[in-house]
Protein backbone atom coordinates (compact mmCIF):
# COMPACT_ATOMS: atom_id res chain seq x y z
CA MET A 1 132.44 -97.03 -46.37
CA ASN A 2 130.57 -97.75 -43.12
CA ALA A 3 129.39 -94.15 -42.97
CA ARG A 4 127.95 -94.44 -46.50
CA LYS A 5 126.14 -97.65 -45.60
CA SER A 6 124.71 -96.06 -42.44
CA ILE A 7 123.56 -92.99 -44.38
CA ALA A 8 122.04 -95.14 -47.13
CA CYS A 9 120.30 -97.32 -44.58
CA SER A 10 118.98 -94.25 -42.73
CA LEU A 11 117.69 -92.73 -45.96
CA LEU A 12 115.97 -95.99 -46.87
CA LEU A 13 114.27 -96.19 -43.47
CA ALA A 14 113.26 -92.54 -43.68
CA ALA A 15 111.79 -93.08 -47.14
CA ALA A 16 109.86 -96.13 -45.92
CA ALA A 17 108.52 -94.14 -42.96
CA ALA A 18 107.56 -91.22 -45.20
CA VAL A 19 105.44 -93.43 -47.48
CA PRO A 20 103.71 -95.68 -44.96
CA GLY A 21 101.11 -98.22 -45.98
CA CYS A 22 97.82 -98.71 -44.33
CA LEU A 23 95.95 -101.39 -42.41
CA LYS A 24 92.33 -101.73 -43.49
CA ARG A 25 89.94 -103.72 -41.28
CA THR A 26 86.51 -104.68 -42.60
CA ILE A 27 83.65 -106.88 -41.36
CA HIS A 28 81.21 -108.23 -43.97
CA VAL A 29 77.84 -109.50 -42.74
CA THR A 30 75.48 -111.45 -44.99
CA THR A 31 72.16 -113.13 -44.27
CA GLU A 32 69.82 -115.43 -46.06
CA PRO A 33 67.47 -113.81 -46.92
CA PRO A 34 69.21 -110.44 -47.38
CA GLY A 35 67.86 -107.13 -46.10
CA ALA A 36 68.13 -107.80 -42.35
CA LEU A 37 69.04 -104.98 -39.97
CA VAL A 38 72.33 -105.55 -38.09
CA TRP A 39 73.72 -104.17 -34.83
CA LEU A 40 77.32 -104.74 -33.73
CA ASN A 41 77.94 -104.01 -30.04
CA ASP A 42 74.55 -102.25 -29.87
CA VAL A 43 75.41 -99.89 -32.75
CA GLU A 44 73.21 -100.14 -35.84
CA VAL A 45 75.49 -100.67 -38.84
CA GLY A 46 72.99 -101.22 -41.65
CA ARG A 47 71.13 -103.82 -43.71
CA THR A 48 72.63 -106.95 -45.18
CA PRO A 49 74.65 -107.48 -47.20
CA LEU A 50 76.86 -104.92 -45.46
CA GLU A 51 80.47 -103.93 -45.06
CA THR A 52 81.69 -101.89 -42.11
CA ASP A 53 85.11 -100.84 -40.85
CA PHE A 54 86.21 -101.83 -37.34
CA THR A 55 89.01 -100.76 -35.04
CA TYR A 56 89.58 -103.60 -32.60
CA PHE A 57 89.76 -107.39 -32.61
CA GLY A 58 87.90 -109.58 -30.16
CA VAL A 59 84.35 -110.62 -29.43
CA TYR A 60 81.43 -108.65 -30.87
CA SER A 61 77.79 -108.90 -29.84
CA VAL A 62 75.65 -109.31 -32.96
CA ARG A 63 71.90 -108.66 -33.26
CA ILE A 64 70.02 -109.27 -36.49
CA ARG A 65 66.34 -108.57 -37.18
CA LYS A 66 64.12 -108.93 -40.21
CA GLU A 67 60.34 -108.83 -40.19
CA GLY A 68 58.86 -112.29 -40.56
CA PHE A 69 62.01 -114.01 -39.26
CA GLU A 70 63.27 -115.00 -35.84
CA PRO A 71 65.68 -112.41 -34.40
CA VAL A 72 69.30 -113.51 -33.93
CA THR A 73 71.28 -112.49 -30.86
CA THR A 74 74.74 -113.99 -30.65
CA THR A 75 78.45 -113.22 -30.46
CA ARG A 76 81.15 -113.54 -33.10
CA ARG A 77 84.91 -113.26 -32.83
CA ALA A 78 87.12 -111.09 -35.00
CA ALA A 79 90.43 -112.94 -34.72
CA MET A 80 93.65 -110.95 -34.81
CA PRO A 81 96.01 -111.91 -37.65
CA VAL A 82 99.76 -112.20 -36.99
CA TYR A 83 100.60 -108.91 -38.70
CA GLU A 84 98.41 -107.08 -36.14
CA TRP A 85 100.28 -108.40 -33.10
CA PRO A 86 102.09 -105.76 -31.03
CA VAL A 87 105.55 -104.87 -32.42
CA VAL A 88 104.81 -106.78 -35.65
CA ASP A 89 102.12 -104.19 -36.41
CA LEU A 90 104.81 -101.48 -36.56
CA ALA A 91 106.39 -103.22 -39.53
CA ALA A 92 102.95 -103.74 -41.09
CA GLU A 93 102.19 -100.02 -40.76
CA ALA A 94 105.50 -99.15 -42.43
CA TRP A 95 104.85 -101.59 -45.31
CA PRO A 96 104.35 -99.48 -48.47
CA ARG A 97 101.11 -101.23 -49.45
CA THR A 98 97.66 -101.54 -47.91
CA ILE A 99 97.15 -104.68 -45.83
CA GLU A 100 93.51 -105.73 -45.58
CA THR A 101 91.84 -107.77 -42.87
CA ASP A 102 88.50 -109.09 -44.05
CA ILE A 103 86.20 -110.75 -41.52
CA ARG A 104 83.12 -112.50 -42.98
CA TRP A 105 80.08 -113.59 -41.00
CA HIS A 106 76.98 -115.27 -42.52
CA PHE A 107 73.65 -115.96 -40.82
CA ASP A 108 70.70 -118.06 -42.04
CA LEU A 109 67.46 -116.61 -40.70
CA ALA A 110 64.59 -118.89 -39.64
CA PRO A 111 61.01 -117.86 -40.48
CA THR A 112 58.73 -117.03 -37.55
CA ALA A 113 55.80 -119.34 -36.79
CA GLU A 114 53.29 -117.10 -38.57
CA ARG A 115 55.31 -117.34 -41.79
CA THR A 116 55.02 -121.13 -41.92
CA ASP A 117 52.08 -122.90 -43.48
CA PRO A 118 49.28 -123.25 -40.87
CA ALA A 119 48.46 -126.81 -41.94
CA SER A 120 52.12 -127.78 -41.70
CA ALA A 121 52.43 -126.12 -38.28
CA ARG A 122 49.36 -128.03 -37.07
CA ARG A 123 50.76 -131.35 -38.34
CA ASP A 124 54.08 -130.63 -36.60
CA ALA A 125 52.29 -129.83 -33.32
CA VAL A 126 50.22 -133.05 -33.50
CA GLU A 127 53.38 -135.06 -34.22
CA ARG A 128 55.18 -133.48 -31.25
CA ALA A 129 52.19 -134.23 -29.01
CA ARG A 130 52.11 -137.89 -30.11
CA SER A 131 55.85 -138.16 -29.55
CA MET A 132 55.51 -136.68 -26.05
CA ARG A 133 52.60 -139.06 -25.24
CA ASP A 134 54.62 -142.05 -26.41
CA ASP A 135 57.66 -140.93 -24.41
CA SER A 136 55.60 -140.43 -21.25
CA ALA A 137 54.00 -143.88 -21.63
CA GLN A 138 57.47 -145.45 -21.52
CA VAL A 139 58.38 -143.79 -18.21
CA PRO A 140 57.79 -146.27 -15.30
């Protein structure tokens, strides 16, 4: 009886290994407004909204550019889920279904100075100058 159980268990494990699942890792980047060009770790990956596959977890350098908007240079973290931890990932790979990791990053782009209304920009500059004058008058 033990031999039958061992053989059945071995066959079950062999069948599970023969039909392995898959781990799918995807980063989605969106911007407001859309259509910005994106680089991840100095590799151009496309225009937003975009979806790209990735192979490792950790910190990514992100650059985003769109004409008429301030460029964005920052970092973002792709956190590792529990099923990707060493040893646990072996079981995840053997799972008969696809396991998806979906990282989502969103960026709001600020218009450059030339895109703002000139009259509004002038009013803002005058207000900042008055504020600075008032602040400097209070310094002993």
